[in-house]
Amino acid sequence: MLIYEAWWIRYFRSDMRLKDFYSSILRFPVAGATLPILGFLLLGIYGKNIWLIFSVIILGVGHIGIHLQHLKELKRTKIEE
């Protein structure tokens, strides 16, 4: 979660454009979507909570998938270069 907080700090210190919002940090693609999902997945594993793990996987597929789709569209249309 510290990496996620660092990503937000970097975003708010940037020009806050779409390409900044969909940026990566430490090789985590679309870090704003990937890192919180990873955090909750690890929490579920640590707590041995199968329902949390199952829910996070479903949430992650949609949440990360939508962000990757938006990033692909952003690169294709080259918005705010």
N, C-alpha and C. Protein backbone atom coordinates (compact mmCIF):
# COMPACT_ATOMS: atom_id res chain seq x y z
N MET A 1 0.82 -1.19 0.00
CA MET A 1 0.00 0.00 0.00
C MET A 1 0.87 1.26 0.00
N LEU A 2 2.08 1.15 0.48
CA LEU A 2 2.97 2.32 0.44
C LEU A 2 3.31 2.71 -1.00
N ILE A 3 3.46 1.71 -1.86
CA ILE A 3 3.72 2.00 -3.27
C ILE A 3 2.52 2.70 -3.89
N TYR A 4 1.31 2.27 -3.51
CA TYR A 4 0.08 2.90 -3.99
C TYR A 4 0.01 4.36 -3.55
N GLU A 5 0.36 4.62 -2.29
CA GLU A 5 0.38 6.00 -1.80
C GLU A 5 1.42 6.83 -2.56
N ALA A 6 2.58 6.24 -2.84
CA ALA A 6 3.61 6.94 -3.60
C ALA A 6 3.10 7.25 -5.00
N TRP A 7 2.33 6.34 -5.58
CA TRP A 7 1.76 6.59 -6.91
C TRP A 7 0.82 7.79 -6.88
N TRP A 8 -0.03 7.88 -5.85
CA TRP A 8 -0.94 9.02 -5.73
C TRP A 8 -0.18 10.33 -5.54
N ILE A 9 0.85 10.30 -4.73
CA ILE A 9 1.66 11.51 -4.52
C ILE A 9 2.28 11.95 -5.84
N ARG A 10 2.82 10.98 -6.59
CA ARG A 10 3.41 11.31 -7.89
C ARG A 10 2.35 11.86 -8.84
N TYR A 11 1.15 11.30 -8.82
CA TYR A 11 0.07 11.79 -9.68
C TYR A 11 -0.30 13.23 -9.33
N PHE A 12 -0.49 13.54 -8.05
CA PHE A 12 -0.89 14.89 -7.66
C PHE A 12 0.21 15.91 -7.86
N ARG A 13 1.44 15.48 -7.92
CA ARG A 13 2.54 16.40 -8.22
C ARG A 13 2.75 16.59 -9.72
N SER A 14 2.10 15.75 -10.53
CA SER A 14 2.23 15.86 -11.98
C SER A 14 1.22 16.88 -12.51
N ASP A 15 1.06 16.91 -13.83
CA ASP A 15 0.08 17.80 -14.46
C ASP A 15 -1.34 17.25 -14.35
N MET A 16 -1.50 16.07 -13.77
CA MET A 16 -2.79 15.40 -13.58
C MET A 16 -3.56 15.22 -14.88
N ARG A 17 -2.85 14.73 -15.88
CA ARG A 17 -3.48 14.41 -17.16
C ARG A 17 -3.83 12.93 -17.18
N LEU A 18 -4.59 12.51 -18.18
CA LEU A 18 -4.99 11.11 -18.28
C LEU A 18 -3.79 10.18 -18.35
N LYS A 19 -2.78 10.57 -19.10
CA LYS A 19 -1.62 9.69 -19.21
C LYS A 19 -0.91 9.56 -17.87
N ASP A 20 -0.99 10.56 -17.01
CA ASP A 20 -0.43 10.46 -15.66
C ASP A 20 -1.26 9.52 -14.79
N PHE A 21 -2.58 9.55 -14.98
CA PHE A 21 -3.47 8.72 -14.19
C PHE A 21 -3.29 7.23 -14.50
N TYR A 22 -3.00 6.91 -15.74
CA TYR A 22 -2.81 5.52 -16.13
C TYR A 22 -1.34 5.10 -16.15
N SER A 23 -0.51 5.82 -15.42
CA SER A 23 0.92 5.53 -15.42
C SER A 23 1.25 4.29 -14.58
N SER A 24 2.46 3.82 -14.74
CA SER A 24 2.96 2.68 -14.00
C SER A 24 3.96 3.16 -12.95
N ILE A 25 4.20 2.30 -11.96
CA ILE A 25 5.21 2.58 -10.95
C ILE A 25 5.84 1.24 -10.56
N LEU A 26 7.14 1.21 -10.53
CA LEU A 26 7.89 0.00 -10.19
C LEU A 26 7.42 -1.22 -10.99
N ARG A 27 7.22 -1.01 -12.27
CA ARG A 27 6.81 -2.07 -13.21
C ARG A 27 5.39 -2.60 -12.99
N PHE A 28 4.59 -1.95 -12.14
CA PHE A 28 3.19 -2.32 -11.99
C PHE A 28 2.40 -1.54 -13.04
N PRO A 29 1.82 -2.22 -14.03
CA PRO A 29 1.05 -1.49 -15.04
C PRO A 29 -0.23 -0.92 -14.43
N VAL A 30 -0.69 0.19 -14.96
CA VAL A 30 -1.85 0.92 -14.44
C VAL A 30 -1.92 0.78 -12.92
N ALA A 31 -0.94 1.34 -12.27
CA ALA A 31 -0.74 1.16 -10.83
C ALA A 31 -1.93 1.60 -10.00
N GLY A 32 -2.67 2.59 -10.44
CA GLY A 32 -3.84 3.04 -9.69
C GLY A 32 -4.91 1.98 -9.59
N ALA A 33 -4.94 1.05 -10.51
CA ALA A 33 -5.91 -0.05 -10.46
C ALA A 33 -5.29 -1.33 -9.93
N THR A 34 -4.05 -1.58 -10.25
CA THR A 34 -3.40 -2.84 -9.91
C THR A 34 -3.04 -2.93 -8.43
N LEU A 35 -2.48 -1.88 -7.86
CA LEU A 35 -1.95 -1.94 -6.50
C LEU A 35 -3.02 -2.14 -5.42
N PRO A 36 -4.18 -1.47 -5.48
CA PRO A 36 -5.17 -1.75 -4.43
C PRO A 36 -5.73 -3.17 -4.53
N ILE A 37 -5.87 -3.67 -5.75
CA ILE A 37 -6.35 -5.05 -5.92
C ILE A 37 -5.32 -6.02 -5.34
N LEU A 38 -4.06 -5.78 -5.62
CA LEU A 38 -2.99 -6.62 -5.08
C LEU A 38 -2.97 -6.56 -3.56
N GLY A 39 -3.18 -5.38 -3.01
CA GLY A 39 -3.20 -5.22 -1.55
C GLY A 39 -4.31 -6.02 -0.90
N PHE A 40 -5.51 -5.95 -1.46
CA PHE A 40 -6.62 -6.71 -0.90
C PHE A 40 -6.46 -8.20 -1.12
N LEU A 41 -5.87 -8.60 -2.24
CA LEU A 41 -5.61 -10.01 -2.47
C LEU A 41 -4.63 -10.55 -1.42
N LEU A 42 -3.57 -9.82 -1.16
CA LEU A 42 -2.61 -10.24 -0.15
C LEU A 42 -3.24 -10.25 1.25
N LEU A 43 -4.14 -9.31 1.51
CA LEU A 43 -4.85 -9.29 2.79
C LEU A 43 -5.72 -10.54 2.94
N GLY A 44 -6.38 -10.92 1.87
CA GLY A 44 -7.20 -12.13 1.91
C GLY A 44 -6.36 -13.38 2.11
N ILE A 45 -5.20 -13.43 1.47
CA ILE A 45 -4.31 -14.58 1.64
C ILE A 45 -3.77 -14.61 3.08
N TYR A 46 -3.35 -13.46 3.57
CA TYR A 46 -2.82 -13.39 4.93
C TYR A 46 -3.88 -13.79 5.95
N GLY A 47 -5.11 -13.32 5.76
CA GLY A 47 -6.20 -13.62 6.69
C GLY A 47 -6.88 -14.95 6.43
N LYS A 48 -6.44 -15.65 5.38
CA LYS A 48 -7.03 -16.94 5.00
C LYS A 48 -8.54 -16.83 4.81
N ASN A 49 -8.95 -15.74 4.16
CA ASN A 49 -10.36 -15.48 3.93
C ASN A 49 -10.68 -15.77 2.46
N ILE A 50 -11.22 -16.93 2.21
CA ILE A 50 -11.49 -17.37 0.84
C ILE A 50 -12.50 -16.47 0.15
N TRP A 51 -13.47 -15.94 0.90
CA TRP A 51 -14.48 -15.06 0.30
C TRP A 51 -13.87 -13.75 -0.18
N LEU A 52 -12.95 -13.21 0.58
CA LEU A 52 -12.26 -11.99 0.17
C LEU A 52 -11.40 -12.26 -1.06
N ILE A 53 -10.68 -13.37 -1.05
CA ILE A 53 -9.84 -13.72 -2.20
C ILE A 53 -10.69 -13.87 -3.45
N PHE A 54 -11.79 -14.59 -3.34
CA PHE A 54 -12.69 -14.80 -4.47
C PHE A 54 -13.26 -13.47 -4.98
N SER A 55 -13.70 -12.63 -4.06
CA SER A 55 -14.28 -11.33 -4.43
C SER A 55 -13.25 -10.42 -5.10
N VAL A 56 -12.03 -10.42 -4.58
CA VAL A 56 -10.98 -9.57 -5.13
C VAL A 56 -10.59 -10.02 -6.53
N ILE A 57 -10.59 -11.32 -6.76
CA ILE A 57 -10.28 -11.81 -8.11
C ILE A 57 -11.33 -11.32 -9.10
N ILE A 58 -12.60 -11.42 -8.72
CA ILE A 58 -13.67 -10.94 -9.60
C ILE A 58 -13.55 -9.43 -9.81
N LEU A 59 -13.35 -8.69 -8.72
CA LEU A 59 -13.18 -7.24 -8.82
C LEU A 59 -11.96 -6.88 -9.67
N GLY A 60 -10.87 -7.60 -9.46
CA GLY A 60 -9.63 -7.30 -10.17
C GLY A 60 -9.74 -7.49 -11.67
N VAL A 61 -10.42 -8.55 -12.09
CA VAL A 61 -10.59 -8.79 -13.52
C VAL A 61 -11.29 -7.60 -14.18
N GLY A 62 -12.35 -7.12 -13.54
CA GLY A 62 -13.08 -5.99 -14.10
C GLY A 62 -12.34 -4.68 -13.97
N HIS A 63 -11.84 -4.41 -12.78
CA HIS A 63 -11.21 -3.12 -12.48
C HIS A 63 -9.92 -2.93 -13.29
N ILE A 64 -9.05 -3.90 -13.26
CA ILE A 64 -7.80 -3.80 -14.01
C ILE A 64 -8.08 -3.87 -15.51
N GLY A 65 -9.01 -4.71 -15.89
CA GLY A 65 -9.36 -4.83 -17.31
C GLY A 65 -9.87 -3.54 -17.91
N ILE A 66 -10.73 -2.85 -17.18
CA ILE A 66 -11.26 -1.57 -17.67
C ILE A 66 -10.14 -0.54 -17.78
N HIS A 67 -9.26 -0.50 -16.78
CA HIS A 67 -8.16 0.47 -16.84
C HIS A 67 -7.20 0.16 -17.99
N LEU A 68 -6.92 -1.11 -18.24
CA LEU A 68 -6.07 -1.46 -19.37
C LEU A 68 -6.73 -1.10 -20.70
N GLN A 69 -8.05 -1.28 -20.76
CA GLN A 69 -8.79 -0.90 -21.97
C GLN A 69 -8.73 0.61 -22.18
N HIS A 70 -8.90 1.38 -21.12
CA HIS A 70 -8.81 2.84 -21.23
C HIS A 70 -7.41 3.27 -21.66
N LEU A 71 -6.39 2.62 -21.11
CA LEU A 71 -5.01 2.94 -21.48
C LEU A 71 -4.77 2.64 -22.96
N LYS A 72 -5.27 1.52 -23.43
CA LYS A 72 -5.11 1.16 -24.84
C LYS A 72 -5.80 2.19 -25.73
N GLU A 73 -7.00 2.61 -25.33
CA GLU A 73 -7.72 3.64 -26.10
C GLU A 73 -6.98 4.97 -26.06
N LEU A 74 -6.41 5.30 -24.92
CA LEU A 74 -5.65 6.54 -24.78
C LEU A 74 -4.45 6.55 -25.70
N LYS A 75 -3.74 5.41 -25.78
CA LYS A 75 -2.58 5.33 -26.66
C LYS A 75 -3.00 5.36 -28.12
N ARG A 76 -4.16 4.77 -28.42
CA ARG A 76 -4.63 4.72 -29.81
C ARG A 76 -5.05 6.11 -30.28
N THR A 77 -5.74 6.86 -29.45
CA THR A 77 -6.21 8.18 -29.85
C THR A 77 -5.22 9.28 -29.52
N LYS A 78 -4.20 8.94 -28.73
CA LYS A 78 -3.14 9.88 -28.33
C LYS A 78 -3.70 11.15 -27.72
N ILE A 79 -4.60 10.96 -26.77
CA ILE A 79 -5.21 12.10 -26.06
C ILE A 79 -4.18 12.71 -25.13
N GLU A 80 -4.12 14.01 -25.11
CA GLU A 80 -3.28 14.79 -24.20
C GLU A 80 -1.81 14.42 -24.24
N GLU A 81 -1.24 14.39 -25.40
CA GLU A 81 0.20 14.09 -25.48
C GLU A 81 1.04 15.23 -25.04
